């Protein structure tokens, strides 16, 4: 049984059809910001993407050159693996309807190649509500498939609350967890992290502690008060960077005592339905430069959220920078972004 409130379940379809803009952008930070001026002499680039699924894609996506260049220039890409990676779904009807997610190992490999993401530079979180959509066997198959592909994973209970990853000269610690589940809690226990309180300050051997939470409510552009309170608690536990998932729409950025919090990056590859309403097709790619200089080692030097749109192209999607859109769709997308981010952030298009 899932742990979603009944009122939330009732609101899912209305909010999917019309994502909520209830909130105030002025409470948050711009789409881009510089925290170190002058910039560090040496830095590593972390690039965060949203949820990854095959629900809206029968084939690999088409990615605009600007998107591929942005992802290809990363020292490390971090995202959320929203679909179990299985050869044959066990939940056949649910998978056809889109309520249960699944993608093949071949699809994932081809999608990453199409997006210019090198597998050895990729970290995927498995801490999400869909991780058991194909049962425990599907979960085990997913872990094995990602290992075969050479993709590192976070959010597994067996790996502990913080997973260190060496990125150039830096050691980055990743703490991934989900607040939501679609099945009974006993399936998650001992397999997937659901406890945000396990994240503790761990500076020994870690230059930066980064949280990757699956939190908040879907199809709301502004985070709930409870989500913002949790962000502040994580900052108090030593987390220096937070990039969240689950909302399936772009959410704002907040700066808390020097920590950058990107509440929601939307979907990187469509995860709801193939014919999703346009506000849910806006995604964000978060680029963060982290200092590797001696005096500021592990500090965030700058960040920028690059918005893009997922457009239908037959049986798959095209990922296009918002600034490359034309006509009415560009105006609608830019208007939505202005409603989410303070006016000073209007410069935030995709750029390599």
Protein backbone atom coordinates (compact mmCIF):
# COMPACT_ATOMS: atom_id res chain seq x y z
CA UNK A 1 0.00 0.00 0.00
CA UNK A 2 1.28 3.47 -0.85
CA UNK A 3 1.81 6.18 1.76
CA UNK A 4 0.13 9.02 -0.17
CA UNK A 5 -2.66 10.88 1.63
CA UNK A 6 -6.13 10.22 0.20
CA UNK A 7 -6.61 13.92 -0.63
CA UNK A 8 -3.37 13.83 -2.60
CA UNK A 9 -4.55 10.84 -4.63
CA UNK A 10 -7.76 12.69 -5.50
CA UNK A 11 -5.80 15.71 -6.68
CA UNK A 12 -3.37 13.77 -8.89
CA UNK A 13 -5.34 13.91 -12.17
CA UNK A 14 -6.47 17.56 -11.88
CA UNK A 15 -2.93 18.66 -11.08
CA UNK A 16 -1.53 16.50 -13.90
CA UNK A 17 -3.87 18.19 -16.37
CA UNK A 18 -3.18 21.63 -14.93
CA UNK A 19 0.00 21.90 -12.80
CA UNK A 20 -0.39 24.33 -9.93
CA UNK A 21 1.34 27.71 -9.81
CA UNK A 22 0.19 28.48 -6.27
CA UNK A 23 3.16 30.21 -4.65
CA UNK A 24 5.41 33.26 -4.89
CA UNK A 25 8.58 33.26 -6.98
CA UNK A 26 10.00 36.16 -4.98
CA UNK A 27 10.48 33.82 -2.03
CA UNK A 28 13.20 32.01 -3.98
CA UNK A 29 16.53 32.52 -5.74
CA UNK A 30 17.25 33.36 -9.40
CA UNK A 31 17.67 30.64 -11.99
CA UNK A 32 21.43 31.31 -12.02
CA UNK A 33 23.84 32.62 -9.43
CA UNK A 34 27.51 33.14 -8.62
CA UNK A 35 28.67 32.35 -5.10
CA UNK A 36 32.41 32.86 -5.65
CA UNK A 37 33.84 35.96 -7.33
CA UNK A 38 36.43 35.62 -8.72
CA UNK A 39 35.72 32.03 -9.71
CA UNK A 40 38.00 29.24 -8.48
CA UNK A 41 41.09 28.41 -10.49
CA UNK A 42 40.09 24.75 -10.52
CA UNK A 43 36.55 23.35 -10.39
CA UNK A 44 34.53 20.25 -11.19
CA UNK A 45 31.19 20.42 -12.96
CA UNK A 46 28.21 18.50 -11.66
CA UNK A 47 25.14 18.32 -13.91
CA UNK A 48 21.80 17.21 -12.47
CA UNK A 49 18.90 16.00 -14.59
CA UNK A 50 15.37 15.03 -13.60
CA UNK A 51 13.44 11.77 -13.72
CA UNK A 52 14.34 9.26 -16.43
CA UNK A 53 11.69 6.89 -17.80
CA UNK A 54 10.57 5.22 -21.02
CA UNK A 55 6.84 5.88 -20.56
CA UNK A 56 6.79 8.59 -23.24
CA UNK A 57 9.51 7.08 -25.43
CA UNK A 58 9.44 3.89 -27.48
CA UNK A 59 12.73 4.89 -29.04
CA UNK A 60 15.74 6.91 -27.94
CA UNK A 61 15.09 10.65 -27.71
CA UNK A 62 16.45 13.28 -30.06
CA UNK A 63 18.56 15.82 -28.21
CA UNK A 64 19.40 19.26 -29.54
CA UNK A 65 23.16 19.87 -29.93
CA UNK A 66 23.06 22.45 -27.13
CA UNK A 67 21.61 19.89 -24.71
CA UNK A 68 24.15 17.23 -25.70
CA UNK A 69 27.03 19.68 -25.35
CA UNK A 70 25.83 20.70 -21.89
CA UNK A 71 25.65 17.11 -20.69
CA UNK A 72 28.83 16.04 -22.44
CA UNK A 73 30.85 18.75 -20.69
CA UNK A 74 29.96 17.43 -17.22
CA UNK A 75 32.48 15.77 -14.96
CA UNK A 76 29.54 13.88 -13.45
CA UNK A 77 25.83 13.63 -14.35
CA UNK A 78 23.30 12.77 -11.63
CA UNK A 79 19.68 11.77 -12.24
CA UNK A 80 16.79 9.69 -10.97
CA UNK A 81 16.09 6.27 -12.50
CA UNK A 82 12.28 6.48 -12.38
CA UNK A 83 11.72 3.19 -14.20
CA UNK A 84 12.88 -0.32 -13.29
CA UNK A 85 15.29 -1.63 -15.92
CA UNK A 86 13.90 -5.00 -17.00
CA UNK A 87 13.76 -7.03 -20.18
CA UNK A 88 10.16 -8.16 -19.70
CA UNK A 89 7.77 -6.29 -17.39
CA UNK A 90 5.93 -8.47 -14.89
CA UNK A 91 3.15 -5.91 -14.37
CA UNK A 92 2.02 -6.15 -17.99
CA UNK A 93 -1.28 -4.26 -17.84
CA UNK A 94 0.00 -1.51 -15.53
CA UNK A 95 3.02 -1.01 -17.76
CA UNK A 96 0.81 -0.62 -20.84
CA UNK A 97 -1.38 1.89 -19.02
CA UNK A 98 1.60 3.84 -17.71
CA UNK A 99 0.83 3.33 -14.01
CA UNK A 100 3.79 0.97 -13.70
CA UNK A 101 7.10 2.00 -15.18
CA UNK A 102 9.66 -0.09 -17.02
CA UNK A 103 12.46 0.40 -19.51
CA UNK A 104 14.84 -2.05 -21.10
CA UNK A 105 18.58 -2.05 -20.68
CA UNK A 106 18.92 -1.42 -24.41
CA UNK A 107 16.61 1.60 -24.27
CA UNK A 108 18.54 3.13 -21.39
CA UNK A 109 21.87 2.62 -23.13
CA UNK A 110 20.57 4.14 -26.38
CA UNK A 111 18.92 7.06 -24.56
CA UNK A 112 22.13 7.92 -22.73
CA UNK A 113 24.12 7.76 -25.97
CA UNK A 114 21.57 10.00 -27.70
CA UNK A 115 21.87 12.54 -24.87
CA UNK A 116 25.66 12.49 -24.89
CA UNK A 117 25.90 11.09 -21.34
CA UNK A 118 28.88 8.80 -20.76
CA UNK A 119 27.92 5.88 -18.51
CA UNK A 120 31.14 6.10 -16.52
CA UNK A 121 30.23 9.69 -15.65
CA UNK A 122 26.69 8.89 -14.54
CA UNK A 123 25.13 8.35 -11.12
CA UNK A 124 21.49 7.28 -10.88
CA UNK A 125 19.31 7.27 -7.79
CA UNK A 126 17.04 4.28 -7.22
CA UNK A 127 15.32 5.90 -4.23
CA UNK A 128 11.89 6.63 -5.72
CA UNK A 129 8.28 5.48 -5.54
CA UNK A 130 8.41 3.48 -8.80
CA UNK A 131 11.43 1.34 -7.98
CA UNK A 132 9.24 -1.72 -7.19
CA UNK A 133 6.80 -1.28 -10.08
CA UNK A 134 8.01 -4.64 -11.45
CA UNK A 135 8.28 -6.33 -8.06
CA UNK A 136 11.30 -7.37 -6.04
CA UNK A 137 12.61 -9.41 -8.98
CA UNK A 138 12.42 -6.30 -11.14
CA UNK A 139 14.29 -4.33 -8.50
CA UNK A 140 17.05 -6.94 -8.42
CA UNK A 141 17.17 -7.00 -12.23
CA UNK A 142 17.48 -3.20 -12.27
CA UNK A 143 20.46 -3.23 -9.90
CA UNK A 144 22.14 -5.88 -12.05
CA UNK A 145 21.44 -4.06 -15.31
CA UNK A 146 22.94 -0.80 -14.04
CA UNK A 147 25.99 -2.68 -12.83
CA UNK A 148 26.44 -4.25 -16.28
CA UNK A 149 26.14 -0.83 -17.89
CA UNK A 150 28.81 0.55 -15.55
CA UNK A 151 26.41 3.10 -14.00
CA UNK A 152 26.88 3.94 -10.33
CA UNK A 153 23.81 3.96 -8.09
CA UNK A 154 22.78 5.76 -4.91
CA UNK A 155 19.76 5.37 -2.66
CA UNK A 156 20.30 1.67 -1.93
CA UNK A 157 20.18 0.73 1.74
CA UNK A 158 23.03 -1.74 1.27
CA UNK A 159 25.40 1.08 0.31
CA UNK A 160 24.71 3.16 3.41
CA UNK A 161 23.20 6.64 3.69
CA UNK A 162 26.12 8.41 1.95
CA UNK A 163 27.91 7.09 -1.14
CA UNK A 164 31.26 8.74 -1.94
CA UNK A 165 32.07 9.32 -5.61
CA UNK A 166 35.41 10.66 -6.80
CA UNK A 167 34.94 13.47 -9.31
CA UNK A 168 38.29 14.73 -10.57
CA UNK A 169 40.24 15.88 -7.51
CA UNK A 170 37.14 15.98 -5.30
CA UNK A 171 35.23 13.36 -3.30
CA UNK A 172 31.50 14.07 -3.44
CA UNK A 173 29.16 12.27 -1.04
CA UNK A 174 25.65 11.51 -2.34
CA UNK A 175 22.71 10.84 -0.03
CA UNK A 176 19.56 9.75 -1.86
CA UNK A 177 16.22 8.87 -0.28
CA UNK A 178 12.52 8.80 -1.12
CA UNK A 179 9.64 10.01 1.01
CA UNK A 180 7.09 8.25 -1.18
CA UNK A 181 6.36 4.65 -2.07
CA UNK A 182 3.74 2.94 -4.21
CA UNK A 183 3.86 -0.38 -2.34
CA UNK A 184 4.10 -1.69 1.21
CA UNK A 185 6.93 -0.40 3.36
CA UNK A 186 8.32 -3.89 3.93
CA UNK A 187 9.49 -4.04 0.30
CA UNK A 188 11.58 -0.89 0.79
CA UNK A 189 13.01 -1.96 4.15
CA UNK A 190 16.62 -3.05 3.76
CA UNK A 191 16.58 -2.28 0.04
CA UNK A 192 15.88 1.42 -0.59
CA UNK A 193 16.56 4.43 1.63
CA UNK A 194 13.46 6.20 2.96
CA UNK A 195 14.93 7.91 6.02
CA UNK A 196 16.10 11.49 5.58
CA UNK A 197 17.31 11.49 9.20
CA UNK A 198 20.07 9.04 8.26
CA UNK A 199 21.86 11.85 6.42
CA UNK A 200 24.50 13.18 8.80
CA UNK A 201 27.45 15.49 8.50
CA UNK A 202 30.26 13.32 7.10
CA UNK A 203 33.22 15.50 6.23
CA UNK A 204 35.92 12.86 6.62
CA UNK A 205 37.05 12.15 3.07
CA UNK A 206 34.07 14.00 1.55
CA UNK A 207 34.56 17.49 0.15
CA UNK A 208 30.86 18.12 -0.52
CA UNK A 209 27.76 16.35 0.76
CA UNK A 210 24.95 16.34 -1.81
CA UNK A 211 21.37 15.20 -1.19
CA UNK A 212 19.19 13.73 -3.95
CA UNK A 213 15.70 13.49 -2.41
CA UNK A 214 12.53 12.15 -3.98
CA UNK A 215 10.14 14.45 -2.17
CA UNK A 216 7.33 17.01 -2.39
CA UNK A 217 4.03 16.58 -4.28
CA UNK A 218 3.63 16.01 -7.99
CA UNK A 219 2.61 18.70 -10.49
CA UNK A 220 3.05 21.62 -8.08
CA UNK A 221 5.56 24.20 -9.22
CA UNK A 222 6.21 25.48 -5.71
CA UNK A 223 7.38 23.20 -2.87
CA UNK A 224 5.27 22.64 0.22
CA UNK A 225 6.24 24.21 3.53
CA UNK A 226 7.14 20.73 4.83
CA UNK A 227 9.55 20.21 1.96
CA UNK A 228 11.27 23.54 2.59
CA UNK A 229 11.56 22.69 6.29
CA UNK A 230 13.21 19.38 5.40
CA UNK A 231 15.65 21.23 3.15
CA UNK A 232 16.65 23.41 6.08
CA UNK A 233 17.12 20.34 8.28
CA UNK A 234 19.38 18.76 5.66
CA UNK A 235 21.43 21.94 5.49
CA UNK A 236 21.80 21.74 9.26
CA UNK A 237 23.12 18.20 8.83
CA UNK A 238 25.93 19.43 6.62
CA UNK A 239 24.41 19.05 3.15
CA UNK A 240 25.90 21.63 0.79
CA UNK A 241 23.84 20.93 -2.35
CA UNK A 242 20.33 19.52 -2.89
CA UNK A 243 18.75 18.47 -6.19
CA UNK A 244 15.25 17.04 -5.85
CA UNK A 245 12.86 14.94 -7.92
CA UNK A 246 9.28 13.64 -7.96
CA UNK A 247 7.26 16.79 -8.78
CA UNK A 248 7.52 16.13 -12.57
CA UNK A 249 7.49 19.89 -13.15
CA UNK A 250 10.23 22.48 -12.72
CA UNK A 251 10.39 23.95 -9.23
CA UNK A 252 12.37 26.94 -7.94
CA UNK A 253 15.84 27.24 -6.47
CA UNK A 254 16.54 28.42 -2.94
CA UNK A 255 19.77 29.49 -1.25
CA UNK A 256 19.97 28.46 2.43
CA UNK A 257 23.13 29.48 4.29
CA UNK A 258 25.27 28.96 1.20
CA UNK A 259 23.56 25.70 0.20
CA UNK A 260 21.86 25.57 -3.19
CA UNK A 261 18.50 23.79 -3.15
CA UNK A 262 16.89 22.93 -6.51
CA UNK A 263 13.55 21.58 -5.35
CA UNK A 264 12.55 19.88 -8.58
CA UNK A 265 14.07 19.48 -12.03
CA UNK A 266 10.99 18.04 -13.71
CA UNK A 267 11.37 15.08 -16.07
CA UNK A 268 14.42 14.50 -18.19
CA UNK A 269 12.55 11.84 -20.18
CA UNK A 270 8.78 11.72 -19.90
CA UNK A 271 7.48 9.67 -16.98
CA UNK A 272 3.75 10.39 -16.70
CA UNK A 273 1.96 9.78 -19.99
CA UNK A 274 3.03 10.02 -23.61
CA UNK A 275 0.63 12.94 -24.23
CA UNK A 276 1.44 15.04 -21.21
CA UNK A 277 0.09 18.66 -21.05
CA UNK A 278 2.72 21.22 -21.98
CA UNK A 279 3.65 22.65 -18.54
CA UNK A 280 4.86 19.19 -17.51
CA UNK A 281 7.07 19.05 -20.59
CA UNK A 282 9.36 21.77 -19.29
CA UNK A 283 12.42 20.29 -17.62
CA UNK A 284 15.55 21.71 -16.10
CA UNK A 285 19.23 20.78 -16.27
CA UNK A 286 21.11 22.08 -13.25
CA UNK A 287 24.80 22.86 -13.78
CA UNK A 288 26.87 23.35 -10.62
CA UNK A 289 30.55 24.23 -10.54
CA UNK A 290 32.29 23.12 -7.33
CA UNK A 291 35.61 24.61 -6.26
CA UNK A 292 38.65 22.36 -6.10
CA UNK A 293 40.94 25.13 -4.82
CA UNK A 294 42.62 24.57 -1.49
CA UNK A 295 40.97 27.33 0.51
CA UNK A 296 37.45 26.77 -0.85
CA UNK A 297 37.61 23.07 -1.65
CA UNK A 298 34.12 21.57 -1.97
CA UNK A 299 32.27 24.90 -1.98
CA UNK A 300 29.69 25.65 -4.67
CA UNK A 301 31.13 28.37 -6.90
CA UNK A 302 28.15 28.89 -9.22
CA UNK A 303 24.96 27.31 -10.47
CA UNK A 304 22.63 27.69 -13.40
CA UNK A 305 19.36 26.01 -14.29
CA UNK A 306 18.98 25.46 -18.04
CA UNK A 307 15.32 24.99 -19.06
CA UNK A 308 14.35 22.78 -21.98
CA UNK A 309 11.17 21.41 -23.51
CA UNK A 310 10.33 17.81 -24.36
CA UNK A 311 8.47 17.82 -27.70
CA UNK A 312 6.70 14.87 -29.30
CA UNK A 313 8.40 13.34 -32.34
CA UNK A 314 6.44 10.26 -33.36
CA UNK A 315 7.20 7.47 -30.88
CA UNK A 316 9.79 9.44 -28.90
CA UNK A 317 10.64 12.89 -27.57
CA UNK A 318 12.84 15.75 -28.73
CA UNK A 319 14.75 17.70 -26.08
CA UNK A 320 15.02 21.33 -27.16
CA UNK A 321 16.29 24.41 -25.25
CA UNK A 322 13.47 26.79 -24.37
CA UNK A 323 15.36 29.59 -26.11
CA UNK A 324 15.31 27.55 -29.33
CA UNK A 325 11.54 27.20 -29.36
CA UNK A 326 9.52 29.33 -31.74
CA UNK A 327 6.09 30.89 -31.79
CA UNK A 328 3.41 30.39 -29.20
CA UNK A 329 5.12 27.50 -27.41
CA UNK A 330 8.18 29.60 -26.63
CA UNK A 331 6.01 32.37 -25.22
CA UNK A 332 4.07 29.93 -23.06
CA UNK A 333 7.22 28.24 -21.74
CA UNK A 334 8.97 31.51 -20.96
CA UNK A 335 5.84 32.81 -19.26
CA UNK A 336 5.69 29.74 -17.04
CA UNK A 337 9.37 30.11 -16.11
CA UNK A 338 8.84 33.78 -15.21
CA UNK A 339 6.10 32.69 -12.83
CA UNK A 340 8.46 30.24 -11.06
CA UNK A 341 11.73 32.16 -10.92
CA UNK A 342 12.45 35.77 -9.89
CA UNK A 343 12.60 38.25 -12.77
CA UNK A 344 16.39 38.58 -12.57
CA UNK A 345 16.74 34.96 -13.71
CA UNK A 346 15.34 35.50 -17.21
CA UNK A 347 18.79 34.90 -18.69
CA UNK A 348 18.64 31.18 -18.00
CA UNK A 349 18.58 29.46 -21.38
CA UNK A 350 20.55 26.41 -22.40
CA UNK A 351 24.12 27.20 -23.28
CA UNK A 352 27.17 25.00 -23.49
